[in-house]
Structures are given as C-alpha cells and as structure tokens.
Amino acid sequence: MPLSRPHEDALAAGTRMGPVELHVEHFDAMLAYYRDVLALDHLAEIDGAHLLGRHGVATVSLRHTPGLPRFARSGAGLFHTAVLFDTREALAAAVARVAQSGLGRYTGSADHLVSEAFYFDDPEGNGVELYFDRPRESWQRDATGRPLMDSLFLDANQYLTTHLSETEASAPTGVARVGHVHLQVGDIPTAKDFYVNAVGFDEVMDMGSALFVSAGGYHHHVGLNTWNSRGAGPRAASLGLGRMDIVLPTPDALGALHDRLASRGVAVVDDGLAATFADPWGSRIRVTVDA
C-alpha cells in the first residue's frame, strides 16, 4: 500500500536499494567478514572493486584504498548498511555467524514493528544492520498510509533460540540484499529538501534529529540522522562509504530523476546506463535501472 498522498515527483513504487560500496583498509579482513561471516558470494571484480552478494543480487562492493584516513564519526557519511533477509531463520543464522566469528562488534537489537533488527560494526567500524521485514499487510499505518515504527526490546538470545536452524546455518539460502541505507548528515531540513524534493522519495517519518524516506510505501529506503553529525559540512575522502546505489524500475523513471536533478542544479554524470551525483554532504549516489 503506497502512501495515500505521494508527492508529484515521487519515485516509482518498484524502487529499491542496490549495493553499497565501501573503501576498506584491511581488505583480507573485510572480505572475510562479508564473504565468510555474512555468507555473501564473491560475484565479480569490477574496476578493482570486489562485488559480493547472493544469487546474483549484489549487496556490498569492497574497494581496497589503504591510503585514506578513517571515517570521522562526527562527520557526514555512513551510519549503517542494512542487509535484509528473506526469513527469520536466515537472519538468525547470520546473527549467530557474526557472534561466533569474534569479528566486529555487536551494538544492539530492536523490534521496529515493521521489522526485527540486529546491529553491528564491521571490523573497520562501518555500521551494519541485519534485519527481517514483517509482512507488509501486518504493518500498522497512520491515517496517511505511512508505516508506524518504534524501537522496542528484542531479546537476541531468545530470537536465536526460537529461529536458529542448523540447516540454514550450514547452508544459507535466499538473498541478502540491501534493504535500506542509513546516512549521517549535517541537518535534517537540507536532507529533506534533497532526498524528498530533488531525488523523489516520500517522507515517512521526521523525528527532528532523524528522517526516514521511501518509495512505494516501504518503511524506509534511506534513513538520515544528525545524532553524531549535527552541523557537519561536506565530506572529505575517507574509508567507509564510497557510494550507495538506488535501482529504479524503468528507464523513464531514471530520465525523470535526471531531469528533476538538473532543474535544481544538481551535477549529474550520466553514461547512458547510470546517473551518478552527490548529496549536499558529498555522499555519492549512483542510480541504475533494474535489469
């Protein structure tokens, strides 16, 4: 169910997130985390970046750039990459593998009403959310059709006891796609103007210090917050986020986005297959059409 009153230039309902590119310092350790612990397959090496995912669906791209400084937590950039699993069993298996690996750091869990989520930092401190969506028909919505979200207690041990399957743990099935990306930004009004009015996402929730936007009635494809980064200016080159991908359903949707960005003076590089641009803090976004 889409929002009852999407704005005029809203992104199409079939919009989804694509892979997130990370600049990494210790390539072998990061490859071990995403390939061996999260159980993502190595899909390809493209222009020096290693693409990982499942069943041909790309999730993360690792680019070895050891000369870059570490990402400053007070700056604009990546808050977390959220990896969406098809089943609770697949999520539980991934959480168990991370816990058993000793790599990275566990930072919490939450029942968000629309989803069940576990939070980690990878070995280089990049935030990672592993989550499962409850069926859309079970989501509570407000009078405008927007999904209602919360952060309620979720017992990690009880979750694993209930849902961990030996079969899933030993042989992961299903895709593990990027469900949403959460960014740190300098201020919410600027973020809203860019991601809603220019890019075309619908506003789902504005908490003042955090904004959640989506296409097609999803709970959020992009989260934006100022919890650590209020007042942050443009990003300097650093480890961490290199680029996030948005995948549109049709070439017409990509053309409309290109026109909308151009009308607002946003510089776009278009090679005929993808449009690449930056948000107000310099976080790079690439938009492609779903194959």
Protein backbone atom coordinates (compact mmCIF):
# COMPACT_ATOMS: atom_id res chain seq x y z
CA MET A 1 0.00 0.00 0.00
CA PRO A 2 1.59 3.29 -1.04
CA LEU A 3 1.31 6.48 0.93
CA SER A 4 -2.14 7.98 0.45
CA ARG A 5 -0.75 11.28 -0.91
CA PRO A 6 2.65 10.79 -2.58
CA HIS A 7 4.22 13.98 -3.83
CA GLU A 8 4.04 14.83 -7.51
CA ASP A 9 7.56 13.74 -8.47
CA ALA A 10 7.70 10.63 -6.28
CA LEU A 11 9.98 7.77 -7.24
CA ALA A 12 8.20 4.74 -8.69
CA ALA A 13 6.89 2.06 -6.36
CA GLY A 14 9.36 -0.50 -7.73
CA THR A 15 12.37 1.47 -6.50
CA ARG A 16 14.83 -0.49 -4.35
CA MET A 17 18.33 -0.11 -2.98
CA GLY A 18 21.37 -1.59 -4.69
CA PRO A 19 24.83 -2.42 -3.35
CA VAL A 20 26.86 -0.18 -1.06
CA GLU A 21 30.50 0.44 -1.94
CA LEU A 22 32.96 0.60 0.94
CA HIS A 23 36.52 1.91 0.86
CA VAL A 24 38.48 -0.50 3.05
CA GLU A 25 41.96 -0.51 4.55
CA HIS A 26 42.44 -4.17 5.52
CA PHE A 27 40.98 -5.94 2.51
CA ASP A 28 41.50 -9.54 3.63
CA ALA A 29 39.81 -8.98 7.00
CA MET A 30 36.88 -7.15 5.41
CA LEU A 31 36.49 -9.79 2.71
CA ALA A 32 36.47 -12.49 5.40
CA TYR A 33 33.71 -10.64 7.26
CA TYR A 34 31.37 -10.08 4.35
CA ARG A 35 32.12 -13.29 2.44
CA ASP A 36 32.71 -15.84 5.17
CA VAL A 37 30.75 -14.44 8.13
CA LEU A 38 27.76 -12.86 6.36
CA ALA A 39 27.99 -15.68 3.80
CA LEU A 40 27.95 -13.49 0.70
CA ASP A 41 29.30 -14.96 -2.52
CA HIS A 42 32.05 -13.24 -4.50
CA LEU A 43 30.15 -12.23 -7.63
CA ALA A 44 32.71 -10.27 -9.63
CA GLU A 45 35.67 -7.92 -9.62
CA ILE A 46 34.80 -4.69 -11.44
CA ASP A 47 37.33 -1.88 -11.88
CA GLY A 48 39.28 -3.09 -8.85
CA ALA A 49 36.25 -3.40 -6.55
CA HIS A 50 35.06 -6.80 -5.33
CA LEU A 51 31.28 -7.28 -5.55
CA LEU A 52 29.61 -9.65 -3.10
CA GLY A 53 26.03 -10.87 -2.78
CA ARG A 54 23.79 -13.90 -3.15
CA HIS A 55 22.04 -15.46 -6.13
CA GLY A 56 23.32 -12.72 -8.38
CA VAL A 57 21.92 -9.92 -6.19
CA ALA A 58 24.76 -7.58 -5.23
CA THR A 59 24.96 -6.44 -1.60
CA VAL A 60 28.33 -4.82 -0.98
CA SER A 61 31.35 -3.77 -3.01
CA LEU A 62 34.76 -3.66 -1.32
CA ARG A 63 37.40 -1.34 -2.76
CA HIS A 64 40.90 -1.56 -1.28
CA THR A 65 42.04 2.04 -0.65
CA PRO A 66 44.55 1.82 2.23
CA GLY A 67 45.83 5.38 1.95
CA LEU A 68 42.59 7.02 3.09
CA PRO A 69 42.01 8.31 6.65
CA ARG A 70 39.42 6.66 8.88
CA PHE A 71 35.87 7.95 8.76
CA ALA A 72 35.16 10.51 11.50
CA ARG A 73 32.02 9.57 13.45
CA SER A 74 31.14 13.25 13.80
CA GLY A 75 31.10 13.73 10.03
CA ALA A 76 28.64 13.09 7.25
CA GLY A 77 28.71 9.61 5.74
CA LEU A 78 27.56 6.08 6.51
CA PHE A 79 25.62 5.29 9.69
CA HIS A 80 24.86 1.74 8.61
CA THR A 81 24.17 -0.55 5.68
CA ALA A 82 21.03 -2.58 6.34
CA VAL A 83 21.02 -6.12 4.93
CA LEU A 84 17.55 -7.62 4.51
CA PHE A 85 16.98 -11.37 4.82
CA ASP A 86 14.04 -13.33 3.41
CA THR A 87 13.29 -15.33 6.55
CA ARG A 88 13.77 -15.15 10.31
CA GLU A 89 15.83 -18.32 10.07
CA ALA A 90 18.23 -16.69 7.60
CA LEU A 91 18.54 -13.64 9.84
CA ALA A 92 19.17 -15.76 12.94
CA ALA A 93 21.86 -17.74 11.11
CA ALA A 94 23.63 -14.55 10.06
CA VAL A 95 23.49 -13.12 13.58
CA ALA A 96 24.87 -16.36 15.00
CA ARG A 97 27.75 -16.43 12.50
CA VAL A 98 28.72 -12.85 13.37
CA ALA A 99 28.58 -13.63 17.10
CA GLN A 100 30.70 -16.74 16.70
CA SER A 101 33.26 -15.06 14.45
CA GLY A 102 34.50 -12.57 17.02
CA LEU A 103 34.88 -10.04 14.20
CA GLY A 104 33.46 -6.57 14.56
CA ARG A 105 31.21 -5.51 17.43
CA TYR A 106 27.59 -6.13 18.46
CA THR A 107 25.82 -2.83 19.18
CA GLY A 108 22.19 -3.79 19.85
CA SER A 109 18.84 -5.08 18.61
CA ALA A 110 15.30 -3.74 18.26
CA ASP A 111 11.78 -4.63 17.27
CA HIS A 112 10.75 -1.79 14.94
CA LEU A 113 7.14 -3.05 14.48
CA VAL A 114 7.73 -3.32 10.73
CA SER A 115 10.97 -5.27 11.15
CA GLU A 116 13.27 -7.13 13.54
CA ALA A 117 16.84 -5.86 13.54
CA PHE A 118 20.30 -6.56 14.95
CA TYR A 119 23.11 -4.02 14.82
CA PHE A 120 26.86 -4.49 14.46
CA ASP A 121 30.03 -2.69 13.44
CA ASP A 122 32.18 -4.47 10.88
CA PRO A 123 35.95 -4.88 11.50
CA GLU A 124 36.65 -1.32 10.30
CA GLY A 125 33.81 0.28 12.24
CA ASN A 126 31.20 0.57 9.47
CA GLY A 127 27.69 0.13 10.84
CA VAL A 128 25.81 -2.98 9.70
CA GLU A 129 22.15 -3.76 10.35
CA LEU A 130 20.88 -7.29 9.75
CA TYR A 131 17.09 -7.44 9.61
CA PHE A 132 13.88 -9.21 8.61
CA ASP A 133 10.72 -7.45 7.46
CA ARG A 134 7.38 -8.47 8.88
CA PRO A 135 4.78 -8.95 6.09
CA ARG A 136 3.56 -5.59 4.78
CA GLU A 137 -0.07 -6.49 5.40
CA SER A 138 0.70 -6.69 9.13
CA TRP A 139 2.26 -3.21 9.36
CA GLN A 140 0.37 -0.61 11.33
CA ARG A 141 -0.09 2.66 9.43
CA ASP A 142 -1.21 6.17 10.27
CA ALA A 143 -4.12 7.98 8.63
CA THR A 144 -1.95 8.99 5.65
CA GLY A 145 -0.79 5.42 4.99
CA ARG A 146 2.68 5.86 6.46
CA PRO A 147 4.09 2.82 8.32
CA LEU A 148 4.35 3.23 12.09
CA MET A 149 7.77 2.39 13.54
CA ASP A 150 9.19 2.10 17.04
CA SER A 151 12.26 0.71 18.80
CA LEU A 152 11.10 -1.94 21.24
CA PHE A 153 13.13 -4.50 23.17
CA LEU A 154 14.19 -7.56 21.17
CA ASP A 155 15.89 -10.36 23.10
CA ALA A 156 18.78 -11.59 20.95
CA ASN A 157 19.24 -14.87 22.83
CA GLN A 158 15.53 -15.69 22.67
CA TYR A 159 15.48 -14.84 18.96
CA LEU A 160 18.32 -17.27 18.23
CA THR A 161 16.76 -19.96 20.42
CA THR A 162 13.48 -19.65 18.52
CA HIS A 163 14.68 -19.19 14.95
CA LEU A 164 18.18 -20.61 14.55
CA SER A 165 18.11 -23.54 12.13
CA GLU A 166 21.05 -25.91 11.75
CA THR A 167 20.23 -26.32 8.06
CA GLU A 168 20.20 -22.56 7.41
CA ALA A 169 23.33 -22.03 9.49
CA SER A 170 25.32 -24.58 7.49
CA ALA A 171 23.96 -23.76 4.02
CA PRO A 172 22.49 -20.23 3.75
CA THR A 173 19.61 -19.84 1.32
CA GLY A 174 17.79 -16.86 -0.14
CA VAL A 175 19.14 -13.45 -0.98
CA ALA A 176 20.68 -10.97 1.44
CA ARG A 177 20.00 -7.65 -0.26
CA VAL A 178 20.42 -4.06 0.86
CA GLY A 179 17.02 -3.10 2.23
CA HIS A 180 17.96 0.42 3.22
CA VAL A 181 20.93 2.67 3.84
CA HIS A 182 21.19 5.00 6.84
CA LEU A 183 23.36 8.10 6.48
CA GLN A 184 24.78 10.71 8.82
CA VAL A 185 24.05 14.26 7.62
CA GLY A 186 24.61 17.80 8.85
CA ASP A 187 20.97 18.87 9.19
CA ILE A 188 17.54 17.40 8.53
CA PRO A 189 15.83 20.26 6.59
CA THR A 190 18.57 20.19 3.93
CA ALA A 191 18.40 16.39 3.81
CA LYS A 192 14.61 16.50 3.39
CA ASP A 193 14.79 19.05 0.60
CA PHE A 194 17.32 16.95 -1.29
CA TYR A 195 16.07 13.39 -0.74
CA VAL A 196 12.34 14.20 -0.93
CA ASN A 197 12.05 17.19 -3.26
CA ALA A 198 15.01 16.52 -5.56
CA VAL A 199 15.51 12.75 -5.56
CA GLY A 200 11.81 11.97 -5.13
CA PHE A 201 11.46 9.78 -2.04
CA ASP A 202 8.32 10.10 0.07
CA GLU A 203 8.71 11.27 3.65
CA VAL A 204 7.74 8.52 6.09
CA MET A 205 8.82 9.97 9.45
CA ASP A 206 10.56 13.14 10.61
CA MET A 207 11.79 12.86 14.19
CA GLY A 208 13.60 16.19 14.12
CA SER A 209 17.01 14.58 14.52
CA ALA A 210 16.27 11.78 12.03
CA LEU A 211 14.33 11.45 8.80
CA PHE A 212 13.10 8.29 7.09
CA VAL A 213 12.15 8.29 3.40
CA SER A 214 10.98 5.61 0.99
CA ALA A 215 9.32 4.80 -2.31
CA GLY A 216 6.13 2.79 -2.77
CA GLY A 217 5.07 2.73 0.87
CA TYR A 218 8.12 0.90 2.24
CA HIS A 219 9.12 1.76 5.81
CA HIS A 220 12.34 3.37 4.59
CA HIS A 221 14.87 3.02 1.82
CA VAL A 222 17.06 5.80 3.23
CA GLY A 223 17.47 6.94 6.83
CA LEU A 224 19.19 10.25 7.63
CA ASN A 225 20.24 11.41 11.08
CA THR A 226 22.24 14.07 12.93
CA TRP A 227 22.79 12.07 16.12
CA ASN A 228 26.59 12.25 15.79
CA SER A 229 26.95 14.71 12.91
CA ARG A 230 24.84 17.80 13.56
CA GLY A 231 26.37 20.74 11.67
CA ALA A 232 28.70 18.54 9.62
CA GLY A 233 29.96 20.05 6.38
CA PRO A 234 30.96 18.36 3.12
CA ARG A 235 32.77 15.04 3.45
CA ALA A 236 36.48 14.64 2.98
CA ALA A 237 37.72 11.47 1.29
CA SER A 238 37.88 8.68 3.87
CA LEU A 239 37.49 4.99 4.47
CA GLY A 240 33.88 3.82 4.71
CA LEU A 241 31.16 4.85 2.31
CA GLY A 242 32.24 5.15 -1.28
CA ARG A 243 28.82 5.10 -2.94
CA MET A 244 25.30 3.82 -2.45
CA ASP A 245 23.11 2.57 -5.29
CA ILE A 246 19.42 3.18 -5.96
CA VAL A 247 17.73 0.93 -8.53
CA LEU A 248 14.71 2.26 -10.45
CA PRO A 249 12.20 0.04 -12.26
CA THR A 250 12.21 1.70 -15.70
CA PRO A 251 14.35 3.91 -17.97
CA ASP A 252 11.56 6.52 -17.87
CA ALA A 253 11.90 6.74 -14.10
CA LEU A 254 15.64 7.34 -14.48
CA GLY A 255 15.03 10.01 -17.11
CA ALA A 256 12.52 11.80 -14.88
CA LEU A 257 15.00 11.77 -11.99
CA HIS A 258 17.77 13.14 -14.22
CA ASP A 259 15.50 16.00 -15.34
CA ARG A 260 14.43 16.75 -11.78
CA LEU A 261 18.01 16.92 -10.53
CA ALA A 262 19.13 19.04 -13.49
CA SER A 263 16.31 21.52 -12.86
CA ARG A 264 17.64 22.01 -9.33
CA GLY A 265 21.23 22.48 -10.45
CA VAL A 266 22.49 19.13 -9.16
CA ALA A 267 25.51 17.98 -11.20
CA VAL A 268 24.83 14.57 -12.72
CA VAL A 269 27.24 12.29 -14.58
CA ASP A 270 25.21 10.12 -16.96
CA ASP A 271 26.93 7.41 -19.00
CA GLY A 272 23.71 6.08 -20.54
CA LEU A 273 23.45 3.23 -18.06
CA ALA A 274 23.58 5.06 -14.73
CA ALA A 275 23.28 8.54 -13.29
CA THR A 276 25.76 9.45 -10.55
CA PHE A 277 25.56 12.51 -8.31
CA ALA A 278 26.30 13.61 -4.75
CA ASP A 279 24.05 14.69 -1.89
CA PRO A 280 24.67 18.05 -0.14
CA TRP A 281 27.43 16.48 2.01
CA GLY A 282 29.24 14.78 -0.84
CA SER A 283 27.95 11.23 -0.30
CA ARG A 284 27.89 9.69 -3.79
CA ILE A 285 24.74 8.10 -5.17
CA ARG A 286 24.50 6.02 -8.33
CA VAL A 287 21.08 5.34 -9.87
CA THR A 288 20.56 2.48 -12.31
CA VAL A 289 17.62 0.71 -13.94
CA ASP A 290 16.54 -2.71 -12.71
CA ALA A 291 17.62 -5.49 -15.05
